[in-house]
PDB file of N, CA and C in Angstrom:
ATOM      1  N   MET A   1      22.746 -54.255 -13.908  1.00  0.00           N
ATOM      2  CA  MET A   1      23.694 -54.108 -12.829  1.00  0.00           C
ATOM      3  C   MET A   1      23.024 -53.345 -11.698  1.00  0.00           C
ATOM      4  N   GLY A   2      23.158 -53.825 -10.476  1.00  0.00           N
ATOM      5  CA  GLY A   2      22.524 -53.217  -9.324  1.00  0.00           C
ATOM      6  C   GLY A   2      23.277 -52.017  -8.785  1.00  0.00           C
ATOM      7  N   ARG A   3      22.584 -51.279  -7.996  1.00  0.00           N
ATOM      8  CA  ARG A   3      23.149 -50.094  -7.385  1.00  0.00           C
ATOM      9  C   ARG A   3      23.888 -50.464  -6.113  1.00  0.00           C
ATOM     10  N   ILE A   4      24.994 -49.782  -5.845  1.00  0.00           N
ATOM     11  CA  ILE A   4      25.731 -49.998  -4.606  1.00  0.00           C
ATOM     12  C   ILE A   4      25.338 -48.888  -3.643  1.00  0.00           C
ATOM     13  N   ARG A   5      24.832 -49.263  -2.487  1.00  0.00           N
ATOM     14  CA  ARG A   5      24.414 -48.277  -1.491  1.00  0.00           C
ATOM     15  C   ARG A   5      25.593 -47.917  -0.606  1.00  0.00           C
ATOM     16  N   SER A   6      25.728 -46.633  -0.317  1.00  0.00           N
ATOM     17  CA  SER A   6      26.814 -46.145   0.529  1.00  0.00           C
ATOM     18  C   SER A   6      26.253 -45.724   1.877  1.00  0.00           C
ATOM     19  N   THR A   7      27.074 -45.862   2.904  1.00  0.00           N
ATOM     20  CA  THR A   7      26.668 -45.399   4.227  1.00  0.00           C
ATOM     21  C   THR A   7      26.851 -43.888   4.295  1.00  0.00           C
ATOM     22  N   THR A   8      26.238 -43.272   5.267  1.00  0.00           N
ATOM     23  CA  THR A   8      26.368 -41.834   5.466  1.00  0.00           C
ATOM     24  C   THR A   8      27.832 -41.449   5.642  1.00  0.00           C
ATOM     25  N   GLU A   9      28.574 -42.232   6.398  1.00  0.00           N
ATOM     26  CA  GLU A   9      29.976 -41.941   6.649  1.00  0.00           C
ATOM     27  C   GLU A   9      30.791 -41.997   5.358  1.00  0.00           C
ATOM     28  N   GLN A  10      30.491 -42.967   4.488  1.00  0.00           N
ATOM     29  CA  GLN A  10      31.203 -43.077   3.220  1.00  0.00           C
ATOM     30  C   GLN A  10      30.926 -41.869   2.322  1.00  0.00           C
ATOM     31  N   ILE A  11      29.687 -41.421   2.306  1.00  0.00           N
ATOM     32  CA  ILE A  11      29.313 -40.262   1.490  1.00  0.00           C
ATOM     33  C   ILE A  11      30.025 -39.017   1.993  1.00  0.00           C
ATOM     34  N   ILE A  12      30.029 -38.818   3.312  1.00  0.00           N
ATOM     35  CA  ILE A  12      30.696 -37.653   3.901  1.00  0.00           C
ATOM     36  C   ILE A  12      32.187 -37.674   3.581  1.00  0.00           C
ATOM     37  N   ARG A  13      32.807 -38.853   3.666  1.00  0.00           N
ATOM     38  CA  ARG A  13      34.236 -38.981   3.355  1.00  0.00           C
ATOM     39  C   ARG A  13      34.505 -38.584   1.905  1.00  0.00           C
ATOM     40  N   LYS A  14      33.674 -39.058   0.996  1.00  0.00           N
ATOM     41  CA  LYS A  14      33.835 -38.728  -0.426  1.00  0.00           C
ATOM     42  C   LYS A  14      33.652 -37.235  -0.666  1.00  0.00           C
ATOM     43  N   LEU A  15      32.663 -36.620  -0.013  1.00  0.00           N
ATOM     44  CA  LEU A  15      32.440 -35.184  -0.171  1.00  0.00           C
ATOM     45  C   LEU A  15      33.625 -34.379   0.348  1.00  0.00           C
ATOM     46  N   ARG A  16      34.208 -34.814   1.451  1.00  0.00           N
ATOM     47  CA  ARG A  16      35.398 -34.128   1.984  1.00  0.00           C
ATOM     48  C   ARG A  16      36.583 -34.264   1.041  1.00  0.00           C
ATOM     49  N   GLU A  17      36.746 -35.458   0.455  1.00  0.00           N
ATOM     50  CA  GLU A  17      37.823 -35.663  -0.514  1.00  0.00           C
ATOM     51  C   GLU A  17      37.641 -34.732  -1.709  1.00  0.00           C
ATOM     52  N   ALA A  18      36.403 -34.617  -2.186  1.00  0.00           N
ATOM     53  CA  ALA A  18      36.121 -33.736  -3.317  1.00  0.00           C
ATOM     54  C   ALA A  18      36.393 -32.285  -2.943  1.00  0.00           C
ATOM     55  N   GLU A  19      36.025 -31.894  -1.744  1.00  0.00           N
ATOM     56  CA  GLU A  19      36.256 -30.527  -1.282  1.00  0.00           C
ATOM     57  C   GLU A  19      37.742 -30.196  -1.269  1.00  0.00           C
ATOM     58  N   VAL A  20      38.566 -31.144  -0.819  1.00  0.00           N
ATOM     59  CA  VAL A  20      40.022 -30.945  -0.796  1.00  0.00           C
ATOM     60  C   VAL A  20      40.541 -30.775  -2.223  1.00  0.00           C
ATOM     61  N   GLU A  21      40.089 -31.619  -3.132  1.00  0.00           N
ATOM     62  CA  GLU A  21      40.529 -31.536  -4.530  1.00  0.00           C
ATOM     63  C   GLU A  21      40.156 -30.188  -5.137  1.00  0.00           C
ATOM     64  N   ILE A  22      38.943 -29.725  -4.871  1.00  0.00           N
ATOM     65  CA  ILE A  22      38.482 -28.448  -5.415  1.00  0.00           C
ATOM     66  C   ILE A  22      39.280 -27.298  -4.816  1.00  0.00           C
ATOM     67  N   SER A  23      39.594 -27.384  -3.525  1.00  0.00           N
ATOM     68  CA  SER A  23      40.377 -26.318  -2.883  1.00  0.00           C
ATOM     69  C   SER A  23      41.804 -26.264  -3.425  1.00  0.00           C
ATOM     70  N   LYS A  24      42.277 -27.373  -3.989  1.00  0.00           N
ATOM     71  CA  LYS A  24      43.604 -27.412  -4.607  1.00  0.00           C
ATOM     72  C   LYS A  24      43.581 -26.851  -6.028  1.00  0.00           C
ATOM     73  N   GLY A  25      42.387 -26.463  -6.507  1.00  0.00           N
ATOM     74  CA  GLY A  25      42.272 -25.874  -7.832  1.00  0.00           C
ATOM     75  C   GLY A  25      41.692 -26.786  -8.883  1.00  0.00           C
ATOM     76  N   SER A  26      41.308 -27.975  -8.506  1.00  0.00           N
ATOM     77  CA  SER A  26      40.714 -28.921  -9.442  1.00  0.00           C
ATOM     78  C   SER A  26      39.294 -28.476  -9.788  1.00  0.00           C
ATOM     79  N   THR A  27      38.820 -28.856 -10.962  1.00  0.00           N
ATOM     80  CA  THR A  27      37.430 -28.565 -11.312  1.00  0.00           C
ATOM     81  C   THR A  27      36.524 -29.557 -10.583  1.00  0.00           C
ATOM     82  N   VAL A  28      35.253 -29.213 -10.505  1.00  0.00           N
ATOM     83  CA  VAL A  28      34.290 -30.103  -9.853  1.00  0.00           C
ATOM     84  C   VAL A  28      34.224 -31.431 -10.606  1.00  0.00           C
ATOM     85  N   ALA A  29      34.184 -31.359 -11.933  1.00  0.00           N
ATOM     86  CA  ALA A  29      34.092 -32.582 -12.736  1.00  0.00           C
ATOM     87  C   ALA A  29      35.284 -33.496 -12.484  1.00  0.00           C
ATOM     88  N   LEU A  30      36.479 -32.920 -12.418  1.00  0.00           N
ATOM     89  CA  LEU A  30      37.675 -33.725 -12.177  1.00  0.00           C
ATOM     90  C   LEU A  30      37.678 -34.294 -10.756  1.00  0.00           C
ATOM     91  N   ALA A  31      37.256 -33.490  -9.790  1.00  0.00           N
ATOM     92  CA  ALA A  31      37.194 -33.958  -8.401  1.00  0.00           C
ATOM     93  C   ALA A  31      36.216 -35.117  -8.266  1.00  0.00           C
ATOM     94  N   VAL A  32      35.081 -35.019  -8.945  1.00  0.00           N
ATOM     95  CA  VAL A  32      34.073 -36.080  -8.893  1.00  0.00           C
ATOM     96  C   VAL A  32      34.636 -37.362  -9.495  1.00  0.00           C
ATOM     97  N   ARG A  33      35.315 -37.219 -10.634  1.00  0.00           N
ATOM     98  CA  ARG A  33      35.935 -38.401 -11.256  1.00  0.00           C
ATOM     99  C   ARG A  33      36.989 -39.011 -10.345  1.00  0.00           C
ATOM    100  N   LYS A  34      37.766 -38.147  -9.692  1.00  0.00           N
ATOM    101  CA  LYS A  34      38.862 -38.616  -8.851  1.00  0.00           C
ATOM    102  C   LYS A  34      38.372 -39.405  -7.637  1.00  0.00           C
ATOM    103  N   ILE A  35      37.225 -39.020  -7.076  1.00  0.00           N
ATOM    104  CA  ILE A  35      36.720 -39.741  -5.904  1.00  0.00           C
ATOM    105  C   ILE A  35      35.895 -40.961  -6.292  1.00  0.00           C
ATOM    106  N   GLY A  36      35.694 -41.163  -7.594  1.00  0.00           N
ATOM    107  CA  GLY A  36      35.062 -42.397  -8.050  1.00  0.00           C
ATOM    108  C   GLY A  36      33.554 -42.390  -8.109  1.00  0.00           C
ATOM    109  N   VAL A  37      32.955 -41.215  -8.245  1.00  0.00           N
ATOM    110  CA  VAL A  37      31.501 -41.158  -8.363  1.00  0.00           C
ATOM    111  C   VAL A  37      31.143 -41.475  -9.808  1.00  0.00           C
ATOM    112  N   PRO A  38      30.263 -42.450 -10.032  1.00  0.00           N
ATOM    113  CA  PRO A  38      29.907 -42.792 -11.409  1.00  0.00           C
ATOM    114  C   PRO A  38      29.122 -41.663 -12.060  1.00  0.00           C
ATOM    115  N   SER A  39      29.353 -41.453 -13.337  1.00  0.00           N
ATOM    116  CA  SER A  39      28.629 -40.396 -14.041  1.00  0.00           C
ATOM    117  C   SER A  39      27.238 -40.900 -14.414  1.00  0.00           C
ATOM    118  N   ARG A  40      26.320 -39.982 -14.499  1.00  0.00           N
ATOM    119  CA  ARG A  40      24.958 -40.310 -14.903  1.00  0.00           C
ATOM    120  C   ARG A  40      24.942 -40.379 -16.421  1.00  0.00           C
ATOM    121  N   PRO A  41      24.241 -41.338 -16.999  1.00  0.00           N
ATOM    122  CA  PRO A  41      24.214 -41.439 -18.457  1.00  0.00           C
ATOM    123  C   PRO A  41      23.585 -40.207 -19.092  1.00  0.00           C
ATOM    124  N   THR A  42      24.075 -39.814 -20.249  1.00  0.00           N
ATOM    125  CA  THR A  42      23.494 -38.701 -20.978  1.00  0.00           C
ATOM    126  C   THR A  42      22.193 -39.135 -21.619  1.00  0.00           C
ATOM    127  N   THR A  43      21.448 -38.183 -22.120  1.00  0.00           N
ATOM    128  CA  THR A  43      20.166 -38.489 -22.749  1.00  0.00           C
ATOM    129  C   THR A  43      20.345 -39.464 -23.913  1.00  0.00           C
ATOM    130  N   ALA A  44      21.384 -39.269 -24.737  1.00  0.00           N
ATOM    131  CA  ALA A  44      21.620 -40.166 -25.869  1.00  0.00           C
ATOM    132  C   ALA A  44      21.889 -41.592 -25.383  1.00  0.00           C
ATOM    133  N   GLU A  45      22.660 -41.727 -24.306  1.00  0.00           N
ATOM    134  CA  GLU A  45      22.941 -43.059 -23.753  1.00  0.00           C
ATOM    135  C   GLU A  45      21.674 -43.682 -23.196  1.00  0.00           C
ATOM    136  N   GLU A  46      20.832 -42.865 -22.565  1.00  0.00           N
ATOM    137  CA  GLU A  46      19.569 -43.379 -22.031  1.00  0.00           C
ATOM    138  C   GLU A  46      18.667 -43.856 -23.161  1.00  0.00           C
ATOM    139  N   GLU A  47      18.610 -43.077 -24.245  1.00  0.00           N
ATOM    140  CA  GLU A  47      17.763 -43.466 -25.376  1.00  0.00           C
ATOM    141  C   GLU A  47      18.239 -44.773 -25.997  1.00  0.00           C
ATOM    142  N   SER A  48      19.568 -44.926 -26.118  1.00  0.00           N
ATOM    143  CA  SER A  48      20.075 -46.162 -26.714  1.00  0.00           C
ATOM    144  C   SER A  48      19.865 -47.360 -25.784  1.00  0.00           C
ATOM    145  N   ALA A  49      19.770 -47.081 -24.483  1.00  0.00           N
ATOM    146  CA  ALA A  49      19.534 -48.155 -23.528  1.00  0.00           C
ATOM    147  C   ALA A  49      18.038 -48.432 -23.353  1.00  0.00           C
ATOM    148  N   GLY A  50      17.204 -47.556 -23.950  1.00  0.00           N
ATOM    149  CA  GLY A  50      15.762 -47.766 -23.864  1.00  0.00           C
ATOM    150  C   GLY A  50      15.141 -47.211 -22.599  1.00  0.00           C
ATOM    151  N   THR A  51      15.850 -46.294 -21.918  1.00  0.00           N
ATOM    152  CA  THR A  51      15.298 -45.651 -20.728  1.00  0.00           C
ATOM    153  C   THR A  51      15.206 -44.160 -20.956  1.00  0.00           C
ATOM    154  N   SER A  52      14.522 -43.481 -20.078  1.00  0.00           N
ATOM    155  CA  SER A  52      14.365 -42.042 -20.205  1.00  0.00           C
ATOM    156  C   SER A  52      14.383 -41.392 -18.836  1.00  0.00           C
ATOM    157  N   ALA A  53      14.908 -40.185 -18.768  1.00  0.00           N
ATOM    158  CA  ALA A  53      14.932 -39.430 -17.512  1.00  0.00           C
ATOM    159  C   ALA A  53      13.585 -38.764 -17.248  1.00  0.00           C
ATOM    160  N   ASP A  54      12.696 -38.771 -18.240  1.00  0.00           N
ATOM    161  CA  ASP A  54      11.399 -38.102 -18.115  1.00  0.00           C
ATOM    162  C   ASP A  54      10.322 -39.058 -17.655  1.00  0.00           C
ATOM    163  N   HIS A  55      10.511 -39.684 -16.496  1.00  0.00           N
ATOM    164  CA  HIS A  55       9.523 -40.634 -15.974  1.00  0.00           C
ATOM    165  C   HIS A  55       8.376 -39.899 -15.357  1.00  0.00           C
TER     166      HIS A  55
END
């Protein structure tokens, strides 16, 4: 699956949305999930996929 590239304006909008969520008392992890940022695979997921973060 390919990567989706975001414009600078889209990134800034997402960061502002996250900032608002955090200021309302949300955790960073919840704010990130709420704005739709995909999570990075954990080491175990990378190993099962045959990739490694230690390139």
